[in-house]
């Protein structure tokens, strides 16, 4: 047995153990409900909702980036198009599964569509979610199916179909991502969310997180020659950092205006975020590890020349 084969077997063994643990966790949730997530009547949204937001953001962000390839024909990102669609579908499936886990009666999820309230943001989200799934699956099939057997006319036809689906998918994706922001923004009891800027922040954050994961996946999984891969990963990293900086601009606008207005019930939430018991999460994880470290890597010539560092 070679070393590679041994590592592969170890990897499969670890994956099997994790899968078994995950299956046990799923069964436990169906059996015991929300008690396992430590949610209460006063804190009804916990781990499942947070993870749903995380994966949905990486899905919609990746899909929006794929539109650079299939709608706007940006050649420099062409090699990342299929991976972006695959990421969009994979993260979408994970996000959907996790939000189903959050439901008290998951088997009744179909009622969101069959008993839809036209004034409900949640109802429209369920409808758009299904449109989004269909569009992503159709585009992914066209993007990854073998092209060698197609005639030049067939390839052009596929390209046109990809563009049409991409154009149709853009507003759906924006509404899916921004719609989740609306769900939070209309929670009047949460002053830090109750803002017309919140849906936009969700959309920009989705682009940042989706771009980050896509950069990592291309750095690790692209089969292009090393020089071409390095250029692609660098361009993706620069785009992601640019979006991330714009995300921070929106965040600072929100925080500075709130503190300047000095309305107590508005300020208290940001004080807890910046200086409360979990102050270190904001300053060291979000600002430090999540922002300053990536910018530092991109600004350091030696690290910027490595696709591995850019992926990291």
Protein backbone atom coordinates (compact mmCIF):
# COMPACT_ATOMS: atom_id res chain seq x y z
CA UNK A 1 0.00 0.00 0.00
CA UNK A 2 1.37 3.39 -0.97
CA UNK A 3 1.33 6.37 1.37
CA UNK A 4 -1.35 8.04 -0.76
CA UNK A 5 -3.61 4.97 -0.56
CA UNK A 6 -3.13 4.86 3.20
CA UNK A 7 -4.09 8.51 3.60
CA UNK A 8 -7.13 7.93 1.38
CA UNK A 9 -8.32 5.05 3.57
CA UNK A 10 -7.79 7.15 6.71
CA UNK A 11 -9.76 9.97 5.09
CA UNK A 12 -12.65 7.66 4.27
CA UNK A 13 -12.59 6.27 7.81
CA UNK A 14 -12.75 9.78 9.32
CA UNK A 15 -15.55 10.69 6.89
CA UNK A 16 -17.47 7.58 7.90
CA UNK A 17 -17.18 8.41 11.61
CA UNK A 18 -18.27 12.01 11.02
CA UNK A 19 -21.19 10.86 8.86
CA UNK A 20 -22.35 8.47 11.57
CA UNK A 21 -22.06 11.21 14.19
CA UNK A 22 -24.01 13.59 11.94
CA UNK A 23 -26.75 11.01 11.35
CA UNK A 24 -27.06 10.47 15.10
CA UNK A 25 -27.29 14.25 15.57
CA UNK A 26 -30.06 14.54 12.97
CA UNK A 27 -32.07 11.76 14.60
CA UNK A 28 -31.57 13.40 18.00
CA UNK A 29 -32.92 16.70 16.69
CA UNK A 30 -36.02 15.01 15.27
CA UNK A 31 -36.51 13.26 18.58
CA UNK A 32 -35.78 16.07 21.07
CA UNK A 33 -36.44 19.19 19.00
CA UNK A 34 -35.01 22.63 19.72
CA UNK A 35 -33.92 21.78 23.26
CA UNK A 36 -30.61 20.51 21.85
CA UNK A 37 -29.83 23.91 20.26
CA UNK A 38 -30.54 25.67 23.58
CA UNK A 39 -33.10 27.96 21.96
CA UNK A 40 -35.84 29.45 24.12
CA UNK A 41 -39.04 31.44 23.75
CA UNK A 42 -36.95 34.63 23.97
CA UNK A 43 -34.12 33.39 21.70
CA UNK A 44 -35.96 31.36 19.04
CA UNK A 45 -33.23 31.54 16.37
CA UNK A 46 -30.06 29.64 17.12
CA UNK A 47 -27.46 27.41 15.50
CA UNK A 48 -29.57 26.12 12.61
CA UNK A 49 -30.63 29.57 11.43
CA UNK A 50 -27.10 30.92 11.76
CA UNK A 51 -25.68 28.06 9.69
CA UNK A 52 -28.48 28.41 7.14
CA UNK A 53 -27.57 32.08 6.64
CA UNK A 54 -23.89 31.13 6.35
CA UNK A 55 -24.38 28.49 3.64
CA UNK A 56 -27.09 30.37 1.75
CA UNK A 57 -24.76 33.38 1.56
CA UNK A 58 -21.94 31.28 0.14
CA UNK A 59 -24.39 29.80 -2.38
CA UNK A 60 -25.88 33.05 -3.67
CA UNK A 61 -22.48 34.76 -3.61
CA UNK A 62 -20.99 32.02 -5.78
CA UNK A 63 -23.93 32.15 -8.17
CA UNK A 64 -23.61 35.91 -8.60
CA UNK A 65 -19.92 35.42 -9.37
CA UNK A 66 -20.80 32.76 -11.94
CA UNK A 67 -22.86 35.40 -13.75
CA UNK A 68 -19.59 37.20 -14.51
CA UNK A 69 -18.77 34.18 -16.69
CA UNK A 70 -22.10 33.13 -18.18
CA UNK A 71 -23.89 36.50 -18.46
CA UNK A 72 -21.18 39.16 -18.70
CA UNK A 73 -18.57 36.98 -20.46
CA UNK A 74 -15.64 37.98 -18.24
CA UNK A 75 -12.90 35.73 -19.67
CA UNK A 76 -10.51 35.95 -16.74
CA UNK A 77 -12.98 34.07 -14.49
CA UNK A 78 -14.14 31.57 -17.12
CA UNK A 79 -12.35 28.59 -15.55
CA UNK A 80 -14.12 29.23 -12.24
CA UNK A 81 -17.65 29.15 -13.73
CA UNK A 82 -18.49 25.43 -13.25
CA UNK A 83 -16.99 25.40 -9.74
CA UNK A 84 -19.03 28.48 -8.81
CA UNK A 85 -22.24 26.75 -9.90
CA UNK A 86 -21.26 23.54 -8.08
CA UNK A 87 -20.56 25.58 -4.93
CA UNK A 88 -23.89 27.36 -5.33
CA UNK A 89 -25.77 24.06 -5.48
CA UNK A 90 -23.83 22.33 -2.70
CA UNK A 91 -24.12 25.21 -0.23
CA UNK A 92 -27.79 25.65 -1.18
CA UNK A 93 -28.53 22.01 -0.34
CA UNK A 94 -26.72 22.33 2.99
CA UNK A 95 -28.52 25.56 3.85
CA UNK A 96 -31.90 24.10 2.93
CA UNK A 97 -31.28 20.99 5.02
CA UNK A 98 -30.23 23.08 8.03
CA UNK A 99 -33.27 25.35 7.93
CA UNK A 100 -35.49 22.27 7.71
CA UNK A 101 -33.77 21.06 10.88
CA UNK A 102 -34.87 24.28 12.57
CA UNK A 103 -38.55 23.63 11.89
CA UNK A 104 -40.60 22.15 14.69
CA UNK A 105 -42.46 20.00 12.14
CA UNK A 106 -40.11 19.56 9.13
CA UNK A 107 -42.56 17.29 7.28
CA UNK A 108 -45.01 20.19 7.00
CA UNK A 109 -42.63 22.41 5.02
CA UNK A 110 -44.75 21.99 1.88
CA UNK A 111 -47.46 24.09 3.57
CA UNK A 112 -45.28 27.19 3.06
CA UNK A 113 -46.09 26.92 -0.66
CA UNK A 114 -49.56 25.38 -0.59
CA UNK A 115 -50.86 27.81 2.07
CA UNK A 116 -48.78 30.81 1.04
CA UNK A 117 -49.68 34.21 2.43
CA UNK A 118 -48.95 36.74 -0.37
CA UNK A 119 -47.88 39.35 2.22
CA UNK A 120 -45.41 36.98 3.89
CA UNK A 121 -41.71 37.41 3.18
CA UNK A 122 -41.18 33.83 4.31
CA UNK A 123 -43.74 32.59 1.79
CA UNK A 124 -42.05 34.39 -1.09
CA UNK A 125 -38.70 33.08 0.10
CA UNK A 126 -39.98 29.50 -0.17
CA UNK A 127 -41.22 30.13 -3.72
CA UNK A 128 -38.02 31.85 -4.86
CA UNK A 129 -35.90 29.16 -3.24
CA UNK A 130 -37.45 26.55 -5.53
CA UNK A 131 -36.93 28.70 -8.63
CA UNK A 132 -33.33 29.18 -7.56
CA UNK A 133 -32.75 25.42 -7.24
CA UNK A 134 -34.16 24.72 -10.72
CA UNK A 135 -32.04 27.45 -12.35
CA UNK A 136 -28.81 26.37 -10.64
CA UNK A 137 -29.30 22.68 -11.51
CA UNK A 138 -30.09 23.50 -15.15
CA UNK A 139 -27.05 25.78 -15.50
CA UNK A 140 -24.74 23.30 -13.80
CA UNK A 141 -25.85 20.52 -16.14
CA UNK A 142 -25.16 22.68 -19.19
CA UNK A 143 -21.82 23.85 -17.81
CA UNK A 144 -20.32 20.47 -16.91
CA UNK A 145 -21.72 18.11 -19.52
CA UNK A 146 -19.10 16.92 -22.04
CA UNK A 147 -18.58 19.41 -24.84
CA UNK A 148 -16.43 17.19 -27.04
CA UNK A 149 -19.43 15.39 -28.51
CA UNK A 150 -21.18 18.62 -29.45
CA UNK A 151 -20.93 20.40 -32.76
CA UNK A 152 -19.85 24.07 -32.81
CA UNK A 153 -23.51 24.97 -33.23
CA UNK A 154 -24.35 22.84 -30.19
CA UNK A 155 -21.74 24.61 -28.06
CA UNK A 156 -23.08 27.99 -29.13
CA UNK A 157 -26.60 26.85 -28.30
CA UNK A 158 -25.47 25.77 -24.82
CA UNK A 159 -23.73 29.12 -24.32
CA UNK A 160 -26.92 30.97 -25.23
CA UNK A 161 -28.95 28.81 -22.86
CA UNK A 162 -26.45 29.41 -20.06
CA UNK A 163 -26.71 33.14 -20.64
CA UNK A 164 -30.50 33.12 -20.64
CA UNK A 165 -30.63 31.06 -17.46
CA UNK A 166 -28.02 33.34 -15.90
CA UNK A 167 -30.06 36.44 -16.75
CA UNK A 168 -33.18 34.82 -15.29
CA UNK A 169 -31.25 33.68 -12.23
CA UNK A 170 -29.76 37.07 -11.35
CA UNK A 171 -32.95 38.72 -10.01
CA UNK A 172 -34.02 35.47 -8.34
CA UNK A 173 -30.66 35.17 -6.57
CA UNK A 174 -30.67 38.81 -5.49
CA UNK A 175 -34.19 38.41 -4.11
CA UNK A 176 -33.26 35.17 -2.30
CA UNK A 177 -30.22 36.73 -0.63
CA UNK A 178 -31.78 40.12 0.00
CA UNK A 179 -35.02 38.47 1.10
CA UNK A 180 -33.26 36.75 3.98
CA UNK A 181 -31.95 40.18 4.98
CA UNK A 182 -35.54 41.46 4.88
CA UNK A 183 -36.62 38.68 7.25
CA UNK A 184 -34.13 40.02 9.79
CA UNK A 185 -34.66 43.69 8.99
CA UNK A 186 -38.39 43.60 9.76
CA UNK A 187 -37.74 42.23 13.27
CA UNK A 188 -38.67 45.48 15.05
CA UNK A 189 -37.52 44.21 18.43
CA UNK A 190 -33.91 44.01 17.13
CA UNK A 191 -32.77 47.62 16.56
CA UNK A 192 -29.44 46.58 15.00
CA UNK A 193 -31.32 44.67 12.29
CA UNK A 194 -34.24 47.03 11.74
CA UNK A 195 -32.71 48.97 8.85
CA UNK A 196 -33.27 49.37 5.13
CA UNK A 197 -29.54 48.80 4.70
CA UNK A 198 -29.68 45.29 6.15
CA UNK A 199 -30.83 43.45 2.97
CA UNK A 200 -28.00 45.15 1.04
CA UNK A 201 -25.50 44.13 3.70
CA UNK A 202 -26.69 40.52 3.34
CA UNK A 203 -26.19 40.67 -0.42
CA UNK A 204 -22.69 42.15 -0.21
CA UNK A 205 -21.70 39.76 2.59
CA UNK A 206 -22.88 36.86 0.42
CA UNK A 207 -20.56 38.02 -2.36
CA UNK A 208 -17.66 38.25 0.09
CA UNK A 209 -18.17 34.82 1.66
CA UNK A 210 -19.06 33.16 -1.65
CA UNK A 211 -15.99 34.67 -3.30
CA UNK A 212 -13.81 33.53 -0.41
CA UNK A 213 -14.92 29.90 -0.64
CA UNK A 214 -14.63 29.93 -4.43
CA UNK A 215 -11.08 31.30 -4.17
CA UNK A 216 -10.19 28.50 -1.77
CA UNK A 217 -11.78 25.79 -3.94
CA UNK A 218 -10.01 27.01 -7.09
CA UNK A 219 -6.69 27.23 -5.24
CA UNK A 220 -7.04 23.64 -4.04
CA UNK A 221 -8.98 21.96 -6.83
CA UNK A 222 -8.21 23.67 -10.13
CA UNK A 223 -6.37 21.47 -12.64
CA UNK A 224 -5.07 24.37 -14.68
CA UNK A 225 -1.33 24.89 -15.17
CA UNK A 226 0.18 26.51 -12.09
CA UNK A 227 0.81 29.90 -13.72
CA UNK A 228 -2.78 30.19 -15.00
CA UNK A 229 -4.19 28.96 -11.71
CA UNK A 230 -2.17 31.54 -9.79
CA UNK A 231 -3.52 34.37 -11.94
CA UNK A 232 -7.12 33.13 -11.57
CA UNK A 233 -6.86 32.70 -7.81
CA UNK A 234 -5.22 36.11 -7.44
CA UNK A 235 -8.01 37.78 -9.42
CA UNK A 236 -10.67 36.02 -7.36
CA UNK A 237 -8.91 36.99 -4.14
CA UNK A 238 -8.62 40.64 -5.19
CA UNK A 239 -12.30 40.73 -6.15
CA UNK A 240 -13.27 39.14 -2.83
CA UNK A 241 -11.17 41.58 -0.79
CA UNK A 242 -12.69 44.49 -2.73
CA UNK A 243 -16.21 43.29 -1.91
CA UNK A 244 -15.17 42.70 1.71
CA UNK A 245 -13.91 46.29 2.02
CA UNK A 246 -17.22 47.57 0.64
CA UNK A 247 -19.00 45.37 3.19
CA UNK A 248 -17.01 47.08 5.93
CA UNK A 249 -17.93 50.48 4.52
CA UNK A 250 -21.61 49.61 4.92
CA UNK A 251 -20.97 48.27 8.41
CA UNK A 252 -19.08 51.38 9.52
CA UNK A 253 -21.80 53.62 8.10
CA UNK A 254 -24.37 51.76 10.17
CA UNK A 255 -22.32 51.83 13.38
CA UNK A 256 -21.07 55.42 13.19
CA UNK A 257 -24.50 56.86 12.40
CA UNK A 258 -26.00 54.86 15.28
CA UNK A 259 -23.43 56.08 17.79
CA UNK A 260 -23.67 59.65 16.55
CA UNK A 261 -27.45 59.59 16.95
CA UNK A 262 -26.93 58.18 20.48
CA UNK A 263 -30.43 56.72 20.77
CA UNK A 264 -30.08 54.35 23.77
CA UNK A 265 -32.01 51.34 22.46
CA UNK A 266 -30.10 51.61 19.14
CA UNK A 267 -26.65 52.00 20.72
CA UNK A 268 -26.90 49.22 23.30
CA UNK A 269 -26.79 46.44 20.70
CA UNK A 270 -23.59 47.75 19.12
CA UNK A 271 -22.02 48.28 22.55
CA UNK A 272 -22.65 44.63 23.31
CA UNK A 273 -21.15 43.60 19.96
CA UNK A 274 -18.04 45.77 20.28
CA UNK A 275 -17.40 45.75 24.03
CA UNK A 276 -19.65 43.06 25.55
CA UNK A 277 -18.73 39.57 26.81
CA UNK A 278 -17.84 38.38 23.29
CA UNK A 279 -15.92 41.49 22.23
CA UNK A 280 -13.01 39.29 21.14
CA UNK A 281 -15.15 37.60 18.47
CA UNK A 282 -15.63 40.93 16.73
CA UNK A 283 -12.12 42.39 17.15
CA UNK A 284 -9.98 39.26 16.75
CA UNK A 285 -12.10 36.92 14.61
CA UNK A 286 -14.19 39.17 12.37
CA UNK A 287 -11.88 42.17 12.07
CA UNK A 288 -8.52 40.47 12.63
CA UNK A 289 -8.70 36.98 11.14
CA UNK A 290 -11.57 37.73 8.77
CA UNK A 291 -10.36 41.03 7.35
CA UNK A 292 -6.87 42.26 8.27
CA UNK A 293 -5.13 38.91 7.71
CA UNK A 294 -6.56 38.43 4.16
CA UNK A 295 -5.72 42.03 3.24
CA UNK A 296 -2.20 41.52 4.63
CA UNK A 297 -1.73 38.39 2.51
CA UNK A 298 -2.88 40.22 -0.60
CA UNK A 299 -0.56 43.17 0.07
CA UNK A 300 2.53 40.99 0.68
CA UNK A 301 4.23 40.29 -2.69
CA UNK A 302 5.75 36.96 -1.63
CA UNK A 303 2.45 35.60 -0.28
CA UNK A 304 0.43 37.07 -3.14
CA UNK A 305 2.53 35.02 -5.57
CA UNK A 306 1.34 31.75 -3.98
CA UNK A 307 -2.07 30.33 -4.90
CA UNK A 308 -2.01 28.31 -1.66
CA UNK A 309 -1.64 31.45 0.48
CA UNK A 310 -4.31 33.25 -1.51
CA UNK A 311 -6.64 30.28 -1.06
CA UNK A 312 -5.95 30.28 2.66
